[in-house]
């Protein structure tokens, strides 16, 4: 195991995609990581991953909810809020095939970074306005990989096309109700996020009035803050 200071903390974005149709309460999209994965092997997780250099390089307008934009700017480099939102959209697409996008007549002809070419080739541009920051957590020391992960809530009604989720990175992708989700084999932070989500969906509040948990974990210990 490398020493703690040798493991870089990477900025990451995770999408908690919620659908509310069909009765029976809200459901979230989750999948299982592979047994051989270097990080959270065999655990059920939400789609997500690290910010890619292409997310920072992508040119064009990125719409953000004002409260989410303000919270994303806390303890973050200038311009990172924009890249985090884009990473959330890209990772959801790469891991599930589902697209948070809006029609753009110029999309297919635009010169974009490599990891975004397939997305824009569909004639869509990323739509980030519906993302809401609901949690932030840093992987504790002593892990082979560490992330500063921002968890975004997004509504399935905002998808460009409501289709069956598919992907190679996550197995058993499925829409799961909150009680069933909490019974799965989960990372600790996912358990916490699901608990927070249950409270948020049961008693929604205006974005400007909500307090977003920030779970710091470092050599000095673990502590919660509210953004």
Protein backbone atom coordinates (compact mmCIF):
# COMPACT_ATOMS: atom_id res chain seq x y z
CA UNK A 1 0.00 0.00 0.00
CA UNK A 2 1.51 3.38 -0.96
CA UNK A 3 1.89 5.98 1.78
CA UNK A 4 -1.10 8.28 2.22
CA UNK A 5 0.55 11.33 0.70
CA UNK A 6 1.48 9.31 -2.41
CA UNK A 7 -2.16 8.64 -3.32
CA UNK A 8 -3.56 11.65 -5.19
CA UNK A 9 -7.13 12.71 -4.47
CA UNK A 10 -8.96 12.97 -7.79
CA UNK A 11 -12.04 15.10 -8.33
CA UNK A 12 -15.00 12.95 -9.30
CA UNK A 13 -18.71 13.20 -10.10
CA UNK A 14 -21.48 10.71 -9.41
CA UNK A 15 -25.07 10.80 -10.68
CA UNK A 16 -27.96 9.72 -8.48
CA UNK A 17 -30.55 9.35 -11.22
CA UNK A 18 -34.09 9.21 -9.84
CA UNK A 19 -37.30 8.21 -11.54
CA UNK A 20 -40.72 8.77 -9.99
CA UNK A 21 -43.08 7.11 -12.49
CA UNK A 22 -44.94 3.84 -12.16
CA UNK A 23 -46.04 4.27 -8.56
CA UNK A 24 -44.46 2.68 -5.53
CA UNK A 25 -42.16 5.56 -4.71
CA UNK A 26 -38.96 6.86 -6.28
CA UNK A 27 -36.33 4.53 -7.71
CA UNK A 28 -32.62 5.09 -8.31
CA UNK A 29 -30.32 3.69 -10.99
CA UNK A 30 -27.56 1.46 -9.62
CA UNK A 31 -25.13 -1.12 -10.95
CA UNK A 32 -22.48 -3.49 -9.62
CA UNK A 33 -18.76 -2.96 -10.05
CA UNK A 34 -16.71 -5.92 -11.25
CA UNK A 35 -15.17 -8.39 -8.81
CA UNK A 36 -11.71 -7.52 -10.13
CA UNK A 37 -12.11 -3.75 -9.89
CA UNK A 38 -9.29 -1.97 -8.07
CA UNK A 39 -11.78 0.25 -6.23
CA UNK A 40 -14.99 -0.88 -4.51
CA UNK A 41 -14.93 -4.32 -6.13
CA UNK A 42 -18.34 -6.06 -6.34
CA UNK A 43 -20.11 -3.13 -4.67
CA UNK A 44 -23.34 -1.61 -5.96
CA UNK A 45 -22.87 2.05 -6.82
CA UNK A 46 -24.33 4.96 -8.74
CA UNK A 47 -22.83 5.78 -12.15
CA UNK A 48 -19.84 8.08 -11.90
CA UNK A 49 -16.11 8.56 -12.16
CA UNK A 50 -13.19 10.96 -12.15
CA UNK A 51 -13.06 14.28 -13.94
CA UNK A 52 -11.27 13.81 -17.27
CA UNK A 53 -8.96 16.41 -18.85
CA UNK A 54 -11.47 16.48 -21.72
CA UNK A 55 -14.14 17.76 -19.29
CA UNK A 56 -11.90 20.71 -18.50
CA UNK A 57 -11.11 21.28 -22.18
CA UNK A 58 -14.65 21.13 -23.57
CA UNK A 59 -15.66 24.57 -24.86
CA UNK A 60 -19.20 25.88 -24.74
CA UNK A 61 -21.86 27.12 -22.33
CA UNK A 62 -22.54 25.00 -19.25
CA UNK A 63 -25.70 25.89 -17.35
CA UNK A 64 -25.65 25.27 -13.61
CA UNK A 65 -28.22 25.69 -10.88
CA UNK A 66 -27.01 28.75 -8.89
CA UNK A 67 -27.04 27.01 -5.48
CA UNK A 68 -25.20 24.00 -6.90
CA UNK A 69 -22.65 26.22 -8.63
CA UNK A 70 -21.95 28.07 -5.38
CA UNK A 71 -21.49 24.85 -3.42
CA UNK A 72 -19.25 23.31 -6.07
CA UNK A 73 -16.91 26.30 -5.79
CA UNK A 74 -16.10 25.51 -2.13
CA UNK A 75 -12.55 24.15 -1.76
CA UNK A 76 -12.23 23.85 -5.52
CA UNK A 77 -10.02 25.23 -8.25
CA UNK A 78 -11.49 27.94 -10.52
CA UNK A 79 -13.50 26.39 -13.33
CA UNK A 80 -13.81 23.00 -11.62
CA UNK A 81 -17.56 23.36 -11.01
CA UNK A 82 -18.16 23.37 -14.74
CA UNK A 83 -15.95 20.32 -15.31
CA UNK A 84 -17.60 18.37 -12.48
CA UNK A 85 -21.04 18.85 -14.01
CA UNK A 86 -19.76 17.78 -17.42
CA UNK A 87 -18.04 14.75 -15.91
CA UNK A 88 -21.34 13.72 -14.32
CA UNK A 89 -23.09 13.80 -17.71
CA UNK A 90 -20.24 12.01 -19.50
CA UNK A 91 -19.86 9.26 -16.90
CA UNK A 92 -23.60 8.58 -16.86
CA UNK A 93 -23.53 8.21 -20.64
CA UNK A 94 -20.40 6.04 -20.72
CA UNK A 95 -21.58 3.70 -17.96
CA UNK A 96 -25.28 3.41 -18.80
CA UNK A 97 -25.90 4.77 -22.30
CA UNK A 98 -28.33 7.32 -20.84
CA UNK A 99 -27.89 10.93 -21.91
CA UNK A 100 -28.62 14.16 -20.11
CA UNK A 101 -28.57 16.26 -23.25
CA UNK A 102 -30.43 18.84 -25.30
CA UNK A 103 -30.78 19.01 -29.10
CA UNK A 104 -28.10 21.17 -30.72
CA UNK A 105 -28.08 21.66 -34.48
CA UNK A 106 -24.33 22.30 -34.45
CA UNK A 107 -23.36 19.45 -32.12
CA UNK A 108 -22.39 16.83 -34.70
CA UNK A 109 -20.16 19.25 -36.58
CA UNK A 110 -18.36 20.67 -33.54
CA UNK A 111 -14.72 19.90 -32.81
CA UNK A 112 -14.74 18.47 -29.31
CA UNK A 113 -12.28 16.47 -27.18
CA UNK A 114 -12.03 12.75 -27.89
CA UNK A 115 -14.08 11.44 -24.96
CA UNK A 116 -17.00 13.69 -25.97
CA UNK A 117 -17.12 12.92 -29.70
CA UNK A 118 -19.61 10.08 -29.45
CA UNK A 119 -21.94 12.17 -27.31
CA UNK A 120 -21.95 15.16 -29.67
CA UNK A 121 -22.26 12.89 -32.71
CA UNK A 122 -25.81 12.10 -31.60
CA UNK A 123 -26.80 15.72 -32.19
CA UNK A 124 -26.99 16.50 -28.48
CA UNK A 125 -25.04 18.85 -26.24
CA UNK A 126 -24.71 18.09 -22.51
CA UNK A 127 -27.48 19.45 -20.33
CA UNK A 128 -26.34 20.18 -16.78
CA UNK A 129 -28.98 22.65 -15.57
CA UNK A 130 -30.99 19.90 -13.85
CA UNK A 131 -28.09 18.62 -11.72
CA UNK A 132 -28.37 19.30 -7.99
CA UNK A 133 -25.47 18.73 -5.61
CA UNK A 134 -26.71 16.58 -2.70
CA UNK A 135 -23.53 15.18 -1.12
CA UNK A 136 -19.75 15.44 -1.19
CA UNK A 137 -17.30 12.92 0.26
CA UNK A 138 -13.56 12.32 0.25
CA UNK A 139 -12.22 8.75 0.22
CA UNK A 140 -10.41 8.04 3.52
CA UNK A 141 -6.63 7.59 3.72
CA UNK A 142 -5.22 4.12 3.29
CA UNK A 143 -7.09 3.28 0.09
CA UNK A 144 -5.29 2.50 -3.21
CA UNK A 145 -7.39 5.21 -4.88
CA UNK A 146 -8.87 8.35 -3.39
CA UNK A 147 -11.57 10.64 -4.75
CA UNK A 148 -13.22 13.90 -3.81
CA UNK A 149 -16.64 12.86 -5.08
CA UNK A 150 -19.60 15.15 -5.67
CA UNK A 151 -22.97 13.41 -5.82
CA UNK A 152 -25.52 15.01 -8.14
CA UNK A 153 -29.24 14.33 -8.05
CA UNK A 154 -30.82 14.23 -11.51
CA UNK A 155 -34.34 13.41 -12.62
CA UNK A 156 -34.90 10.65 -15.18
CA UNK A 157 -37.48 12.96 -16.76
CA UNK A 158 -34.52 15.07 -17.92
CA UNK A 159 -33.06 12.29 -20.08
CA UNK A 160 -32.92 12.94 -23.80
CA UNK A 161 -34.34 9.44 -24.36
CA UNK A 162 -35.79 7.10 -21.76
CA UNK A 163 -34.24 3.77 -22.71
CA UNK A 164 -33.04 0.60 -21.02
CA UNK A 165 -29.68 1.36 -19.36
CA UNK A 166 -26.75 -0.69 -20.67
CA UNK A 167 -23.05 -0.64 -20.02
CA UNK A 168 -19.88 -2.67 -19.69
CA UNK A 169 -18.42 -0.97 -16.62
CA UNK A 170 -21.40 -1.69 -14.34
CA UNK A 171 -23.24 -5.00 -14.26
CA UNK A 172 -26.87 -5.57 -13.24
CA UNK A 173 -27.90 -2.00 -14.00
CA UNK A 174 -31.41 -1.55 -12.67
CA UNK A 175 -33.88 0.93 -11.23
CA UNK A 176 -34.15 0.07 -7.54
CA UNK A 177 -36.48 1.48 -4.89
CA UNK A 178 -34.73 3.07 -1.93
CA UNK A 179 -35.44 0.30 0.57
CA UNK A 180 -34.17 -2.40 -1.80
CA UNK A 181 -31.14 -0.27 -2.67
CA UNK A 182 -30.12 0.00 0.96
CA UNK A 183 -30.19 -3.80 1.27
CA UNK A 184 -27.54 -4.25 -1.45
CA UNK A 185 -23.81 -4.65 -0.87
CA UNK A 186 -22.86 -0.99 -0.75
CA UNK A 187 -19.83 1.16 0.00
CA UNK A 188 -20.28 3.05 3.27
CA UNK A 189 -20.58 6.42 1.55
CA UNK A 190 -23.33 5.10 -0.74
CA UNK A 191 -25.28 3.96 2.33
CA UNK A 192 -25.00 7.48 3.74
CA UNK A 193 -26.05 9.09 0.45
CA UNK A 194 -29.12 6.85 0.21
CA UNK A 195 -30.14 7.81 3.75
CA UNK A 196 -29.75 11.50 2.90
CA UNK A 197 -31.66 10.98 -0.34
CA UNK A 198 -34.58 9.32 1.45
CA UNK A 199 -34.93 12.35 3.71
CA UNK A 200 -34.56 14.80 0.84
CA UNK A 201 -37.21 13.11 -1.32
CA UNK A 202 -39.61 12.76 1.60
CA UNK A 203 -39.36 16.43 2.56
CA UNK A 204 -38.03 18.45 -0.39
CA UNK A 205 -36.81 21.98 0.26
CA UNK A 206 -35.79 24.82 -2.06
CA UNK A 207 -32.21 24.40 -3.28
CA UNK A 208 -31.21 27.72 -1.76
CA UNK A 209 -32.36 26.55 1.69
CA UNK A 210 -30.95 23.02 1.70
CA UNK A 211 -27.67 22.24 3.45
CA UNK A 212 -25.47 19.78 1.59
CA UNK A 213 -23.31 17.37 3.66
CA UNK A 214 -19.58 17.43 2.98
CA UNK A 215 -17.78 14.40 4.46
CA UNK A 216 -14.09 15.20 4.82
CA UNK A 217 -11.69 12.32 5.52
CA UNK A 218 -7.98 12.88 5.95
CA UNK A 219 -4.99 12.34 8.21
CA UNK A 220 -6.60 14.64 10.79
CA UNK A 221 -9.68 12.43 10.97
CA UNK A 222 -13.22 12.49 9.61
CA UNK A 223 -15.78 15.26 10.00
CA UNK A 224 -18.98 16.49 8.45
CA UNK A 225 -19.53 20.02 7.24
CA UNK A 226 -22.58 21.57 5.63
CA UNK A 227 -22.31 23.47 2.35
